[in-house]
N, C-alpha and C. Protein backbone atom coordinates (compact mmCIF):
# COMPACT_ATOMS: atom_id res chain seq x y z
N MET A 1 82.76 -56.66 75.91
CA MET A 1 81.80 -57.31 75.04
C MET A 1 80.69 -57.92 75.89
N ASP A 2 79.46 -57.67 75.52
CA ASP A 2 78.30 -58.22 76.22
C ASP A 2 77.90 -59.53 75.53
N TYR A 3 78.44 -60.65 76.02
CA TYR A 3 78.21 -61.94 75.38
C TYR A 3 76.77 -62.42 75.54
N LYS A 4 76.13 -62.03 76.62
CA LYS A 4 74.73 -62.41 76.83
C LYS A 4 73.85 -61.76 75.77
N LEU A 5 74.08 -60.47 75.51
CA LEU A 5 73.33 -59.76 74.47
C LEU A 5 73.66 -60.32 73.09
N MET A 6 74.92 -60.58 72.86
CA MET A 6 75.35 -61.13 71.58
C MET A 6 74.66 -62.47 71.32
N ALA A 7 74.62 -63.34 72.32
CA ALA A 7 73.97 -64.65 72.19
C ALA A 7 72.49 -64.47 71.88
N LYS A 8 71.82 -63.55 72.59
CA LYS A 8 70.40 -63.30 72.37
C LYS A 8 70.14 -62.84 70.94
N GLU A 9 70.96 -61.92 70.45
CA GLU A 9 70.79 -61.40 69.09
C GLU A 9 71.05 -62.48 68.04
N ILE A 10 72.05 -63.32 68.26
CA ILE A 10 72.33 -64.39 67.31
C ILE A 10 71.12 -65.32 67.21
N LEU A 11 70.59 -65.72 68.35
CA LEU A 11 69.43 -66.63 68.34
C LEU A 11 68.24 -65.99 67.63
N GLU A 12 68.03 -64.70 67.85
CA GLU A 12 66.92 -64.00 67.19
C GLU A 12 67.04 -64.05 65.68
N HIS A 13 68.26 -63.94 65.17
CA HIS A 13 68.47 -63.83 63.73
C HIS A 13 68.75 -65.15 63.02
N ILE A 14 68.78 -66.25 63.76
CA ILE A 14 68.96 -67.56 63.11
C ILE A 14 67.71 -68.42 63.21
N GLY A 15 66.63 -67.85 63.69
CA GLY A 15 65.38 -68.60 63.78
C GLY A 15 65.10 -69.18 65.15
N GLY A 16 65.83 -68.73 66.15
CA GLY A 16 65.60 -69.18 67.52
C GLY A 16 66.34 -70.45 67.87
N ALA A 17 66.36 -70.73 69.16
CA ALA A 17 67.06 -71.92 69.67
C ALA A 17 66.48 -73.20 69.09
N GLU A 18 65.17 -73.17 68.80
CA GLU A 18 64.51 -74.37 68.26
C GLU A 18 64.97 -74.69 66.84
N ASN A 19 65.66 -73.76 66.18
CA ASN A 19 66.17 -73.99 64.83
C ASN A 19 67.59 -74.57 64.84
N VAL A 20 68.17 -74.75 66.00
CA VAL A 20 69.54 -75.27 66.11
C VAL A 20 69.51 -76.76 66.40
N ALA A 21 70.07 -77.54 65.49
CA ALA A 21 70.15 -78.99 65.67
C ALA A 21 71.41 -79.39 66.43
N ASN A 22 72.49 -78.62 66.23
CA ASN A 22 73.78 -78.93 66.86
C ASN A 22 74.60 -77.66 66.96
N MET A 23 75.43 -77.58 68.00
CA MET A 23 76.28 -76.41 68.19
C MET A 23 77.63 -76.87 68.70
N THR A 24 78.68 -76.33 68.11
CA THR A 24 80.04 -76.59 68.55
C THR A 24 80.89 -75.36 68.21
N HIS A 25 82.16 -75.43 68.50
CA HIS A 25 83.04 -74.33 68.11
C HIS A 25 84.45 -74.83 67.92
N CYS A 26 85.23 -74.06 67.18
CA CYS A 26 86.66 -74.31 67.07
C CYS A 26 87.33 -73.11 67.75
N ALA A 27 88.56 -72.83 67.43
CA ALA A 27 89.28 -71.75 68.10
C ALA A 27 88.68 -70.37 67.85
N THR A 28 88.08 -70.17 66.68
CA THR A 28 87.60 -68.83 66.34
C THR A 28 86.17 -68.78 65.83
N ARG A 29 85.54 -69.94 65.60
CA ARG A 29 84.21 -69.96 64.99
C ARG A 29 83.18 -70.69 65.83
N LEU A 30 81.99 -70.13 65.85
CA LEU A 30 80.82 -70.82 66.39
C LEU A 30 80.22 -71.58 65.22
N ARG A 31 80.06 -72.88 65.36
CA ARG A 31 79.57 -73.73 64.27
C ARG A 31 78.21 -74.29 64.64
N LEU A 32 77.21 -73.90 63.86
CA LEU A 32 75.84 -74.33 64.11
C LEU A 32 75.34 -75.18 62.96
N THR A 33 74.59 -76.22 63.29
CA THR A 33 73.84 -76.96 62.29
C THR A 33 72.40 -76.53 62.48
N LEU A 34 71.87 -75.83 61.48
CA LEU A 34 70.51 -75.33 61.57
C LEU A 34 69.53 -76.30 60.92
N LYS A 35 68.36 -76.41 61.50
CA LYS A 35 67.32 -77.26 60.94
C LYS A 35 66.78 -76.67 59.65
N ASP A 36 66.67 -75.34 59.60
CA ASP A 36 66.17 -74.64 58.41
C ASP A 36 67.02 -73.39 58.19
N THR A 37 67.97 -73.47 57.25
CA THR A 37 68.88 -72.35 57.01
C THR A 37 68.17 -71.13 56.43
N SER A 38 66.98 -71.32 55.87
CA SER A 38 66.26 -70.17 55.30
C SER A 38 65.76 -69.22 56.39
N LYS A 39 65.74 -69.67 57.63
CA LYS A 39 65.31 -68.81 58.75
C LYS A 39 66.42 -67.87 59.21
N ALA A 40 67.65 -68.12 58.79
CA ALA A 40 68.79 -67.30 59.21
C ALA A 40 68.92 -66.07 58.31
N ASP A 41 69.12 -64.93 58.93
CA ASP A 41 69.31 -63.66 58.23
C ASP A 41 70.79 -63.30 58.31
N ASP A 42 71.55 -63.70 57.28
CA ASP A 42 73.00 -63.51 57.27
C ASP A 42 73.41 -62.07 57.54
N GLU A 43 72.77 -61.13 56.88
CA GLU A 43 73.15 -59.72 57.02
C GLU A 43 72.89 -59.21 58.44
N ALA A 44 71.78 -59.63 59.03
CA ALA A 44 71.49 -59.23 60.41
C ALA A 44 72.51 -59.84 61.37
N VAL A 45 72.89 -61.09 61.14
CA VAL A 45 73.89 -61.73 62.00
C VAL A 45 75.23 -61.03 61.85
N LYS A 46 75.61 -60.69 60.62
CA LYS A 46 76.88 -59.97 60.39
C LYS A 46 76.89 -58.62 61.09
N GLY A 47 75.72 -58.03 61.27
CA GLY A 47 75.62 -56.72 61.91
C GLY A 47 75.70 -56.74 63.42
N ILE A 48 75.74 -57.92 64.02
CA ILE A 48 75.82 -58.04 65.47
C ILE A 48 77.23 -57.70 65.93
N ASN A 49 77.31 -56.85 66.93
CA ASN A 49 78.61 -56.47 67.49
C ASN A 49 79.34 -57.71 67.97
N GLY A 50 80.52 -57.97 67.44
CA GLY A 50 81.33 -59.13 67.81
C GLY A 50 81.38 -60.21 66.75
N VAL A 51 80.44 -60.17 65.81
CA VAL A 51 80.46 -61.14 64.71
C VAL A 51 81.27 -60.53 63.57
N ILE A 52 82.33 -61.21 63.19
CA ILE A 52 83.22 -60.71 62.15
C ILE A 52 82.71 -61.09 60.76
N ASN A 53 82.22 -62.32 60.62
CA ASN A 53 81.73 -62.78 59.33
C ASN A 53 80.83 -64.01 59.54
N VAL A 54 80.06 -64.33 58.51
CA VAL A 54 79.19 -65.50 58.51
C VAL A 54 79.50 -66.32 57.26
N VAL A 55 79.67 -67.63 57.45
CA VAL A 55 79.91 -68.54 56.34
C VAL A 55 78.92 -69.69 56.47
N ASN A 56 78.21 -69.97 55.39
CA ASN A 56 77.25 -71.07 55.39
C ASN A 56 77.73 -72.08 54.36
N LYS A 57 78.41 -73.13 54.85
CA LYS A 57 78.92 -74.14 53.92
C LYS A 57 79.06 -75.48 54.62
N ALA A 58 79.08 -76.51 53.83
CA ALA A 58 79.27 -77.89 54.31
C ALA A 58 78.27 -78.25 55.41
N GLY A 59 77.05 -77.72 55.30
CA GLY A 59 76.02 -78.04 56.28
C GLY A 59 76.15 -77.34 57.61
N GLN A 60 77.10 -76.42 57.69
CA GLN A 60 77.29 -75.67 58.93
C GLN A 60 77.10 -74.18 58.70
N TYR A 61 76.48 -73.54 59.68
CA TYR A 61 76.33 -72.09 59.69
C TYR A 61 77.40 -71.60 60.65
N GLN A 62 78.46 -71.03 60.08
CA GLN A 62 79.64 -70.67 60.87
C GLN A 62 79.70 -69.17 61.09
N LEU A 63 79.87 -68.78 62.36
CA LEU A 63 80.01 -67.38 62.72
C LEU A 63 81.45 -67.17 63.17
N LEU A 64 82.17 -66.33 62.46
CA LEU A 64 83.54 -66.01 62.83
C LEU A 64 83.48 -64.98 63.96
N ILE A 65 83.96 -65.39 65.14
CA ILE A 65 83.90 -64.57 66.34
C ILE A 65 85.29 -64.14 66.79
N GLY A 66 86.24 -65.00 66.65
CA GLY A 66 87.59 -64.75 67.16
C GLY A 66 87.83 -65.65 68.37
N THR A 67 88.91 -65.41 69.06
CA THR A 67 89.31 -66.29 70.16
C THR A 67 88.40 -66.17 71.38
N GLU A 68 87.44 -65.27 71.37
CA GLU A 68 86.51 -65.11 72.48
C GLU A 68 85.30 -66.03 72.35
N VAL A 69 85.26 -66.89 71.35
CA VAL A 69 84.10 -67.74 71.09
C VAL A 69 83.70 -68.61 72.30
N PRO A 70 84.60 -69.12 73.14
CA PRO A 70 84.16 -69.89 74.30
C PRO A 70 83.30 -69.06 75.27
N LYS A 71 83.60 -67.78 75.40
CA LYS A 71 82.81 -66.91 76.28
C LYS A 71 81.40 -66.74 75.73
N LEU A 72 81.27 -66.67 74.42
CA LEU A 72 79.95 -66.58 73.80
C LEU A 72 79.19 -67.89 74.02
N MET A 73 79.86 -69.01 73.85
CA MET A 73 79.22 -70.32 74.00
C MET A 73 78.62 -70.49 75.40
N MET A 74 79.26 -69.93 76.41
CA MET A 74 78.74 -70.05 77.78
C MET A 74 77.42 -69.32 77.95
N ASN A 75 77.11 -68.39 77.06
CA ASN A 75 75.88 -67.59 77.16
C ASN A 75 74.78 -68.05 76.22
N LEU A 76 75.07 -68.99 75.34
CA LEU A 76 74.06 -69.49 74.41
C LEU A 76 73.26 -70.59 75.10
N ARG A 77 71.97 -70.42 75.15
CA ARG A 77 71.10 -71.41 75.78
C ARG A 77 70.33 -72.13 74.69
N ILE A 78 70.82 -73.29 74.33
CA ILE A 78 70.19 -74.08 73.26
C ILE A 78 69.57 -75.32 73.88
């Protein structure tokens, strides 16, 4: 898995790094608080290799990645 490419594509489809107010993760999900959720393209994010699903609820934009999420986090430059 190319986590650097995956991180780049995620940022492109969520409105860029400047659209991220907060970022964290749990065991399987990347959890983002976006400044403007209308800038995120759910279908494009779902189409990224390595993204299993996207859930937008409770003020968080959650990307289901799996147990490899810490490796992705190391490549996200926010």
